[in-house]
């Protein structure tokens, strides 16, 4: 496994983690707003 493919895999993992955490925080925000209504 060469260096460039390792970097690509790391960047894909990071973007996936960012996407998941963003979706999770949006879900929490939406549920909080529903409770406040």
PDB file of N, CA and C in Angstrom:
ATOM      1  N   UNK A   1       0.854  -1.192   0.000  1.00  0.00           N
ATOM      2  CA  UNK A   1       0.000   0.000   0.000  1.00  0.00           C
ATOM      3  C   UNK A   1       0.888   1.239   0.000  1.00  0.00           C
ATOM      4  N   UNK A   2       0.698   2.090  -0.977  1.00  0.00           N
ATOM      5  CA  UNK A   2       1.565   3.268  -1.070  1.00  0.00           C
ATOM      6  C   UNK A   2       0.996   4.451  -0.305  1.00  0.00           C
ATOM      7  N   UNK A   3       1.815   5.480  -0.242  1.00  0.00           N
ATOM      8  CA  UNK A   3       1.522   6.636   0.612  1.00  0.00           C
ATOM      9  C   UNK A   3       0.292   7.396   0.137  1.00  0.00           C
ATOM     10  N   UNK A   4       0.167   7.559  -1.191  1.00  0.00           N
ATOM     11  CA  UNK A   4      -0.923   8.373  -1.731  1.00  0.00           C
ATOM     12  C   UNK A   4      -2.271   7.703  -1.488  1.00  0.00           C
ATOM     13  N   UNK A   5      -2.353   6.391  -1.672  1.00  0.00           N
ATOM     14  CA  UNK A   5      -3.639   5.721  -1.445  1.00  0.00           C
ATOM     15  C   UNK A   5      -4.004   5.763   0.031  1.00  0.00           C
ATOM     16  N   UNK A   6      -3.003   5.691   0.911  1.00  0.00           N
ATOM     17  CA  UNK A   6      -3.279   5.799   2.349  1.00  0.00           C
ATOM     18  C   UNK A   6      -3.845   7.179   2.661  1.00  0.00           C
ATOM     19  N   UNK A   7      -3.287   8.216   2.054  1.00  0.00           N
ATOM     20  CA  UNK A   7      -3.792   9.575   2.267  1.00  0.00           C
ATOM     21  C   UNK A   7      -5.221   9.711   1.749  1.00  0.00           C
ATOM     22  N   UNK A   8      -5.496   9.113   0.589  1.00  0.00           N
ATOM     23  CA  UNK A   8      -6.850   9.189   0.033  1.00  0.00           C
ATOM     24  C   UNK A   8      -7.851   8.519   0.955  1.00  0.00           C
ATOM     25  N   UNK A   9      -7.487   7.352   1.481  1.00  0.00           N
ATOM     26  CA  UNK A   9      -8.385   6.642   2.394  1.00  0.00           C
ATOM     27  C   UNK A   9      -8.624   7.478   3.646  1.00  0.00           C
ATOM     28  N   UNK A  10      -7.570   8.090   4.186  1.00  0.00           N
ATOM     29  CA  UNK A  10      -7.717   8.927   5.385  1.00  0.00           C
ATOM     30  C   UNK A  10      -8.652  10.100   5.110  1.00  0.00           C
ATOM     31  N   UNK A  11      -8.510  10.738   3.964  1.00  0.00           N
ATOM     32  CA  UNK A  11      -9.357  11.897   3.670  1.00  0.00           C
ATOM     33  C   UNK A  11     -10.807  11.465   3.469  1.00  0.00           C
ATOM     34  N   UNK A  12     -11.014  10.298   2.852  1.00  0.00           N
ATOM     35  CA  UNK A  12     -12.386   9.796   2.700  1.00  0.00           C
ATOM     36  C   UNK A  12     -13.009   9.512   4.063  1.00  0.00           C
ATOM     37  N   UNK A  13     -12.224   8.915   4.966  1.00  0.00           N
ATOM     38  CA  UNK A  13     -12.734   8.611   6.302  1.00  0.00           C
ATOM     39  C   UNK A  13     -13.081   9.904   7.026  1.00  0.00           C
ATOM     40  N   UNK A  14     -12.214  10.917   6.921  1.00  0.00           N
ATOM     41  CA  UNK A  14     -12.459  12.189   7.602  1.00  0.00           C
ATOM     42  C   UNK A  14     -13.724  12.858   7.084  1.00  0.00           C
ATOM     43  N   UNK A  15     -13.910  12.857   5.763  1.00  0.00           N
ATOM     44  CA  UNK A  15     -15.106  13.500   5.215  1.00  0.00           C
ATOM     45  C   UNK A  15     -16.357  12.724   5.611  1.00  0.00           C
ATOM     46  N   UNK A  16     -16.254  11.399   5.686  1.00  0.00           N
ATOM     47  CA  UNK A  16     -17.405  10.598   6.112  1.00  0.00           C
ATOM     48  C   UNK A  16     -17.754  10.904   7.560  1.00  0.00           C
ATOM     49  N   UNK A  17     -16.733  11.025   8.406  1.00  0.00           N
ATOM     50  CA  UNK A  17     -16.973  11.329   9.824  1.00  0.00           C
ATOM     51  C   UNK A  17     -17.602  12.713   9.969  1.00  0.00           C
ATOM     52  N   UNK A  18     -17.102  13.681   9.204  1.00  0.00           N
ATOM     53  CA  UNK A  18     -17.676  15.034   9.251  1.00  0.00           C
ATOM     54  C   UNK A  18     -19.139  15.006   8.830  1.00  0.00           C
ATOM     55  N   UNK A  19     -19.430  14.243   7.767  1.00  0.00           N
ATOM     56  CA  UNK A  19     -20.795  14.162   7.248  1.00  0.00           C
ATOM     57  C   UNK A  19     -21.717  13.542   8.293  1.00  0.00           C
ATOM     58  N   UNK A  20     -21.262  12.462   8.919  1.00  0.00           N
ATOM     59  CA  UNK A  20     -22.086  11.770   9.920  1.00  0.00           C
ATOM     60  C   UNK A  20     -22.331  12.677  11.124  1.00  0.00           C
ATOM     61  N   UNK A  21     -21.277  13.353  11.597  1.00  0.00           N
ATOM     62  CA  UNK A  21     -21.454  14.204  12.780  1.00  0.00           C
ATOM     63  C   UNK A  21     -22.350  15.396  12.456  1.00  0.00           C
ATOM     64  N   UNK A  22     -22.257  15.923  11.238  1.00  0.00           N
ATOM     65  CA  UNK A  22     -23.126  17.035  10.849  1.00  0.00           C
ATOM     66  C   UNK A  22     -24.580  16.576  10.812  1.00  0.00           C
ATOM     67  N   UNK A  23     -24.829  15.386  10.248  1.00  0.00           N
ATOM     68  CA  UNK A  23     -26.197  14.864  10.207  1.00  0.00           C
ATOM     69  C   UNK A  23     -26.725  14.632  11.609  1.00  0.00           C
ATOM     70  N   UNK A  24     -25.865  14.122  12.497  1.00  0.00           N
ATOM     71  CA  UNK A  24     -26.307  13.831  13.862  1.00  0.00           C
ATOM     72  C   UNK A  24     -26.659  15.125  14.586  1.00  0.00           C
ATOM     73  N   UNK A  25     -25.837  16.162  14.448  1.00  0.00           N
ATOM     74  CA  UNK A  25     -26.124  17.422  15.144  1.00  0.00           C
ATOM     75  C   UNK A  25     -27.377  18.071  14.562  1.00  0.00           C
ATOM     76  N   UNK A  26     -27.597  17.941  13.255  1.00  0.00           N
ATOM     77  CA  UNK A  26     -28.830  18.465  12.656  1.00  0.00           C
ATOM     78  C   UNK A  26     -30.040  17.742  13.209  1.00  0.00           C
ATOM     79  N   UNK A  27     -29.946  16.426  13.379  1.00  0.00           N
ATOM     80  CA  UNK A  27     -31.058  15.657  13.927  1.00  0.00           C
ATOM     81  C   UNK A  27     -31.369  16.074  15.351  1.00  0.00           C
ATOM     82  N   UNK A  28     -30.326  16.306  16.151  1.00  0.00           N
ATOM     83  CA  UNK A  28     -30.531  16.738  17.537  1.00  0.00           C
ATOM     84  C   UNK A  28     -31.191  18.117  17.547  1.00  0.00           C
ATOM     85  N   UNK A  29     -30.721  19.009  16.687  1.00  0.00           N
ATOM     86  CA  UNK A  29     -31.275  20.359  16.621  1.00  0.00           C
ATOM     87  C   UNK A  29     -32.751  20.322  16.240  1.00  0.00           C
ATOM     88  N   UNK A  30     -33.087  19.499  15.246  1.00  0.00           N
ATOM     89  CA  UNK A  30     -34.483  19.407  14.791  1.00  0.00           C
ATOM     90  C   UNK A  30     -35.364  18.854  15.901  1.00  0.00           C
ATOM     91  N   UNK A  31     -34.886  17.821  16.612  1.00  0.00           N
ATOM     92  CA  UNK A  31     -35.716  17.240  17.674  1.00  0.00           C
ATOM     93  C   UNK A  31     -35.896  18.238  18.812  1.00  0.00           C
ATOM     94  N   UNK A  32     -34.877  19.037  19.112  1.00  0.00           N
ATOM     95  CA  UNK A  32     -35.000  20.051  20.160  1.00  0.00           C
ATOM     96  C   UNK A  32     -36.029  21.103  19.748  1.00  0.00           C
ATOM     97  N   UNK A  33     -35.984  21.527  18.482  1.00  0.00           N
ATOM     98  CA  UNK A  33     -36.938  22.526  18.021  1.00  0.00           C
ATOM     99  C   UNK A  33     -38.365  21.984  18.078  1.00  0.00           C
ATOM    100  N   UNK A  34     -38.545  20.695  17.785  1.00  0.00           N
ATOM    101  CA  UNK A  34     -39.882  20.100  17.873  1.00  0.00           C
ATOM    102  C   UNK A  34     -40.371  20.095  19.316  1.00  0.00           C
ATOM    103  N   UNK A  35     -39.458  19.832  20.249  1.00  0.00           N
ATOM    104  CA  UNK A  35     -39.862  19.821  21.655  1.00  0.00           C
ATOM    105  C   UNK A  35     -40.229  21.228  22.127  1.00  0.00           C
ATOM    106  N   UNK A  36     -39.577  22.242  21.569  1.00  0.00           N
ATOM    107  CA  UNK A  36     -39.842  23.611  22.004  1.00  0.00           C
ATOM    108  C   UNK A  36     -41.175  24.136  21.472  1.00  0.00           C
ATOM    109  N   UNK A  37     -41.645  23.573  20.367  1.00  0.00           N
ATOM    110  CA  UNK A  37     -42.897  24.080  19.782  1.00  0.00           C
ATOM    111  C   UNK A  37     -44.102  23.835  20.663  1.00  0.00           C
TER     112      UNK A  37
END
